[in-house]
Protein backbone atom coordinates (compact mmCIF):
# COMPACT_ATOMS: atom_id res chain seq x y z
CA MET A 1 14.48 -35.20 29.29
CA ASP A 2 16.94 -36.11 26.53
CA ASN A 3 17.16 -33.85 23.47
CA ASP A 4 17.05 -36.88 21.14
CA PHE A 5 13.36 -37.32 21.98
CA ASP A 6 10.23 -35.23 21.68
CA ILE A 7 7.72 -35.06 24.49
CA ILE A 8 4.01 -35.63 24.41
CA TYR A 9 1.77 -34.75 27.29
CA GLY A 10 -1.74 -35.42 28.52
CA LYS A 11 -3.46 -38.71 29.37
CA ASN A 12 -5.22 -39.22 26.03
CA SER A 13 -2.15 -38.45 23.90
CA VAL A 14 0.07 -40.82 25.86
CA LEU A 15 -2.59 -43.56 25.83
CA GLU A 16 -3.05 -43.31 22.06
CA ALA A 17 0.70 -43.43 21.50
CA LEU A 18 0.88 -46.58 23.65
CA ASN A 19 -2.10 -48.20 21.93
CA SER A 20 -0.97 -47.45 18.38
CA GLY A 21 2.47 -48.97 18.86
CA LYS A 22 3.81 -46.73 16.08
CA ARG A 23 6.05 -44.55 18.21
CA GLU A 24 9.06 -45.57 20.26
CA ILE A 25 8.41 -44.49 23.84
CA ASN A 26 11.53 -44.18 25.95
CA LYS A 27 10.07 -43.20 29.32
CA ILE A 28 6.82 -42.04 30.92
CA LEU A 29 6.71 -39.66 33.87
CA ILE A 30 3.65 -39.66 36.12
CA SER A 31 3.24 -36.97 38.74
CA LYS A 32 3.27 -38.06 42.37
CA ASN A 33 0.70 -35.36 43.05
CA ILE A 34 -2.21 -36.68 40.96
CA HIS A 35 -4.79 -39.26 41.90
CA THR A 36 -4.75 -42.50 39.94
CA ASP A 37 -7.80 -42.77 37.69
CA ASN A 38 -8.76 -45.26 34.97
CA LYS A 39 -6.56 -43.61 32.35
CA ILE A 40 -3.49 -43.47 34.58
CA ALA A 41 -4.05 -47.10 35.53
CA LYS A 42 -4.31 -48.03 31.85
CA ILE A 43 -1.13 -46.14 30.99
CA LYS A 44 0.73 -48.03 33.71
CA GLU A 45 -0.75 -51.37 32.61
CA ILE A 46 0.13 -50.97 28.92
CA ALA A 47 3.59 -49.55 29.68
CA GLN A 48 4.33 -52.48 31.97
CA SER A 49 3.13 -55.02 29.40
CA LYS A 50 5.39 -53.46 26.74
CA GLY A 51 8.41 -53.10 28.99
CA ILE A 52 8.31 -49.29 28.84
CA VAL A 53 9.82 -47.53 31.84
CA PHE A 54 7.44 -45.36 33.83
CA GLN A 55 8.25 -43.56 37.03
CA PHE A 56 6.53 -41.30 39.52
CA ALA A 57 8.15 -37.90 39.69
CA GLY A 58 7.93 -34.78 41.82
CA LYS A 59 7.07 -31.22 40.84
CA ASP A 60 10.64 -30.42 39.80
CA LYS A 61 10.45 -32.83 36.85
CA PHE A 62 7.27 -31.21 35.57
CA GLN A 63 8.32 -27.61 36.15
CA PRO A 64 9.82 -27.12 32.63
CA PHE A 65 6.44 -28.11 31.17
CA GLU A 66 4.19 -25.92 33.31
CA GLN A 67 2.91 -24.03 30.27
CA PHE A 68 1.38 -27.26 28.95
CA ASN A 69 -1.81 -28.91 30.14
CA HIS A 70 0.10 -32.12 30.85
CA GLN A 71 -2.44 -33.56 33.34
CA GLY A 72 0.45 -35.03 35.32
CA VAL A 73 1.63 -37.31 32.48
CA ILE A 74 4.57 -36.74 30.14
CA ALA A 75 6.12 -39.26 27.76
CA GLN A 76 9.55 -39.15 26.16
CA ILE A 77 8.90 -40.28 22.61
CA SER A 78 10.73 -40.69 19.32
CA PRO A 79 10.01 -38.04 16.67
CA ILE A 80 7.21 -38.84 14.25
CA LYS A 81 8.23 -40.85 11.20
CA TYR A 82 6.90 -39.19 8.07
CA THR A 83 5.61 -41.43 5.28
CA ASP A 84 7.19 -41.38 1.83
CA LEU A 85 4.77 -40.29 -0.92
CA ASP A 86 5.88 -43.00 -3.35
CA ASP A 87 5.33 -45.66 -0.68
CA PHE A 88 1.91 -44.23 0.08
CA ILE A 89 0.86 -44.26 -3.59
CA ASN A 90 2.11 -47.81 -4.07
CA ASP A 91 0.21 -49.02 -1.02
CA PHE A 92 -3.08 -47.96 -2.61
CA LYS A 93 -2.43 -49.02 -6.20
CA ASN A 94 -4.71 -51.63 -7.75
CA LYS A 95 -7.18 -51.57 -4.85
CA GLU A 96 -10.86 -51.83 -5.66
CA THR A 97 -11.99 -49.09 -3.27
CA TYR A 98 -11.29 -45.38 -3.67
CA HIS A 99 -9.18 -43.40 -1.24
CA SER A 100 -8.71 -39.85 -0.01
CA LEU A 101 -5.93 -37.48 0.99
CA VAL A 102 -5.81 -34.00 2.49
CA ILE A 103 -3.09 -31.62 1.30
CA LEU A 104 -2.36 -28.60 3.50
CA ASP A 105 -0.91 -25.58 1.72
CA GLY A 106 0.78 -23.51 4.40
CA VAL A 107 -1.32 -24.11 7.53
CA GLU A 108 0.66 -22.36 10.26
CA ASP A 109 -1.67 -22.66 13.26
CA SER A 110 -0.98 -25.66 15.50
CA HIS A 111 -4.55 -25.80 16.77
CA ASN A 112 -5.91 -25.95 13.22
CA LEU A 113 -3.48 -28.71 12.23
CA GLY A 114 -4.29 -30.74 15.34
CA ALA A 115 -8.01 -30.40 14.67
CA ILE A 116 -7.53 -31.33 11.00
CA ILE A 117 -5.61 -34.50 11.89
CA ARG A 118 -8.28 -35.55 14.37
CA THR A 119 -11.07 -34.94 11.84
CA CYS A 120 -9.23 -36.84 9.11
CA VAL A 121 -8.86 -39.90 11.32
CA CYS A 122 -12.55 -39.75 12.33
CA ALA A 123 -13.65 -39.44 8.70
CA GLY A 124 -11.40 -42.23 7.39
CA VAL A 125 -9.03 -40.07 5.33
CA ASP A 126 -6.04 -42.16 4.24
CA GLY A 127 -3.24 -39.61 4.64
CA ILE A 128 -2.20 -35.98 5.01
CA ILE A 129 0.44 -34.15 2.99
CA ILE A 130 2.17 -31.10 4.45
CA PRO A 131 4.97 -28.99 2.91
CA SER A 132 8.46 -29.01 4.42
CA ARG A 133 8.31 -25.22 4.65
CA ARG A 134 5.56 -22.66 5.27
CA ASN A 135 3.63 -25.14 7.39
CA VAL A 136 3.69 -26.08 11.04
CA LEU A 137 5.24 -29.53 11.49
CA ILE A 138 4.14 -32.17 13.98
CA ASN A 139 5.02 -31.30 17.56
CA SER A 140 3.81 -32.09 21.06
CA THR A 141 1.15 -29.36 20.96
CA ILE A 142 -0.37 -30.82 17.80
CA GLU A 143 -0.21 -34.33 19.27
CA LYS A 144 -2.15 -33.10 22.31
CA ILE A 145 -4.75 -31.18 20.27
CA SER A 146 -5.30 -34.15 17.98
CA GLU A 147 -5.86 -36.34 21.08
CA GLY A 148 -3.20 -38.72 19.75
CA ALA A 149 -4.87 -39.09 16.32
CA VAL A 150 -1.52 -38.28 14.70
CA ASN A 151 -0.52 -41.88 15.49
CA TYR A 152 -3.32 -43.28 13.33
CA ILE A 153 -2.78 -41.62 9.95
CA PRO A 154 0.22 -41.37 7.58
CA ILE A 155 1.70 -37.87 7.50
CA ILE A 156 3.66 -37.13 4.31
CA LYS A 157 6.15 -34.25 4.16
CA ALA A 158 6.75 -32.88 0.65
CA ASN A 159 9.46 -30.49 -0.50
CA SER A 160 7.15 -29.32 -3.31
CA LEU A 161 3.37 -29.59 -3.15
CA VAL A 162 3.13 -28.93 -6.88
CA ASN A 163 5.39 -31.90 -7.59
CA ALA A 164 3.44 -34.03 -5.12
CA VAL A 165 0.17 -33.12 -6.83
CA GLN A 166 1.63 -33.92 -10.24
CA LYS A 167 2.78 -37.33 -9.01
CA LEU A 168 -0.67 -38.05 -7.61
CA LYS A 169 -2.32 -37.07 -10.89
CA GLU A 170 0.01 -39.42 -12.77
CA ASN A 171 -1.20 -42.22 -10.49
CA ASP A 172 -4.94 -41.78 -10.99
CA TRP A 173 -5.65 -39.32 -8.19
CA TRP A 174 -7.92 -36.32 -8.77
CA ILE A 175 -7.17 -32.99 -7.14
CA VAL A 176 -9.91 -30.92 -5.48
CA SER A 177 -9.01 -27.44 -4.23
CA THR A 178 -11.10 -24.98 -2.25
CA ASP A 179 -11.36 -21.32 -3.21
CA ALA A 180 -13.92 -18.71 -2.14
CA SER A 181 -14.33 -17.45 -5.72
CA ALA A 182 -14.99 -20.88 -7.26
CA LYS A 183 -18.17 -21.38 -9.28
CA GLU A 184 -18.81 -24.98 -8.22
CA ASN A 185 -20.08 -25.88 -4.73
CA TYR A 186 -18.19 -28.54 -2.79
CA TYR A 187 -21.18 -30.90 -2.61
CA ASP A 188 -21.52 -31.06 -6.42
CA VAL A 189 -18.37 -33.19 -6.82
CA LYS A 190 -18.80 -36.98 -6.87
CA TYR A 191 -16.05 -37.92 -4.43
CA ASN A 192 -17.04 -41.58 -4.21
CA ASP A 193 -16.10 -42.25 -7.85
CA MET A 194 -12.40 -41.46 -7.62
CA ASN A 195 -9.25 -41.29 -5.53
CA PHE A 196 -9.14 -37.65 -4.52
CA ALA A 197 -6.81 -35.27 -2.72
CA LEU A 198 -8.41 -32.24 -1.08
CA VAL A 199 -6.18 -29.16 -1.04
CA MET A 200 -6.82 -26.69 1.77
CA GLY A 201 -5.07 -23.32 1.89
CA ALA A 202 -3.43 -21.27 4.60
CA GLU A 203 -5.56 -19.38 7.10
CA HIS A 204 -5.27 -16.05 5.27
CA ALA A 205 -3.67 -16.69 1.87
CA GLY A 206 -5.80 -19.63 0.68
CA VAL A 207 -4.62 -22.19 -1.86
CA SER A 208 -1.70 -20.98 -3.99
CA LYS A 209 -2.30 -20.15 -7.65
CA SER A 210 0.03 -22.92 -8.82
CA LEU A 211 -2.02 -25.55 -6.96
CA LEU A 212 -5.33 -24.08 -8.12
CA LYS A 213 -4.06 -24.30 -11.69
CA ALA A 214 -3.06 -27.95 -11.21
CA SER A 215 -6.46 -28.89 -9.72
CA ASP A 216 -9.13 -30.91 -11.50
CA PHE A 217 -11.90 -29.32 -9.43
CA VAL A 218 -12.03 -25.97 -7.64
CA VAL A 219 -14.93 -25.71 -5.22
CA LYS A 220 -16.35 -23.32 -2.65
CA ILE A 221 -18.39 -23.59 0.52
CA PRO A 222 -21.38 -21.29 -0.01
CA MET A 223 -21.82 -18.61 2.67
CA GLN A 224 -25.12 -17.06 3.72
CA ASN A 225 -23.63 -13.82 5.04
CA ASN A 226 -20.95 -11.44 3.84
CA PHE A 227 -18.47 -12.52 6.50
CA ASN A 228 -14.97 -13.94 6.67
CA SER A 229 -14.73 -17.54 5.51
CA LEU A 230 -14.59 -20.55 7.85
CA ASN A 231 -11.23 -21.39 9.34
CA VAL A 232 -9.33 -24.13 7.54
CA SER A 233 -10.18 -26.95 9.95
CA ASN A 234 -13.92 -26.24 9.79
CA ALA A 235 -13.89 -25.82 6.02
CA MET A 236 -12.01 -29.09 5.54
CA SER A 237 -14.49 -30.88 7.82
CA ALA A 238 -17.42 -29.78 5.65
CA VAL A 239 -15.87 -31.19 2.48
CA ILE A 240 -14.47 -34.38 3.99
CA PHE A 241 -17.72 -35.33 5.70
CA GLU A 242 -19.64 -34.66 2.48
CA ALA A 243 -17.29 -37.14 0.80
CA LEU A 244 -17.95 -39.62 3.63
CA ARG A 245 -21.71 -39.07 3.31
CA GLN A 246 -21.56 -39.93 -0.40
CA LYS A 247 -19.46 -43.01 0.33
CA LEU A 248 -21.93 -44.28 2.94
CA ILE A 249 -24.93 -43.66 0.69
CA LYS A 250 -23.25 -45.61 -2.13
CA LYS A 251 -22.81 -48.61 0.18
């Protein structure tokens, strides 16, 4: 496949990319050696309706991707287009409802990032900010783990998370960071009364001191046993779904 394109693999990831219409798909390869099921049929139907080339290919075409669980489907796709932070902020200005963001401070595990993206889409989070460095960027593995959810949420890449946080604060966003030594529990914050950005730290280092200092709230997830903390995707899920719970109760 051409170097100008990324690849995504797996039936669900390719289907979601087709359905979202947010990624330019150049070509889809379908293995000659798999049985056609409902998902394969749907991929062919949507590709045909959109004029996207799909072709049946032999084992040799799939050999370079043997390490992936491609399920006999690979798509040649344009790289993800990251959203500009200023554009994101302007899109949500002067709206009557409150909104949410997740900021990831150095998450380096692809499986965690994929799970976080999927959870954010399910919980109605409006965007995700990742740093340009010290963080895994979007790739085909993350697209597969997120089950294509990456196509349904703006991903913002920031050169400086501290500057991004400052810009959010200047535009009526409140910053909530997680830290194991915090005094306040995560469920004590009233998330439904503000635009908020939840800052989650790296798997081992946690949220950086500069971001903790810039935060309006620093919260913890209380633990019953003296054991290592939850991984970042699970911890984020707890906070984000508490925010969703409060939002639904308010309605």
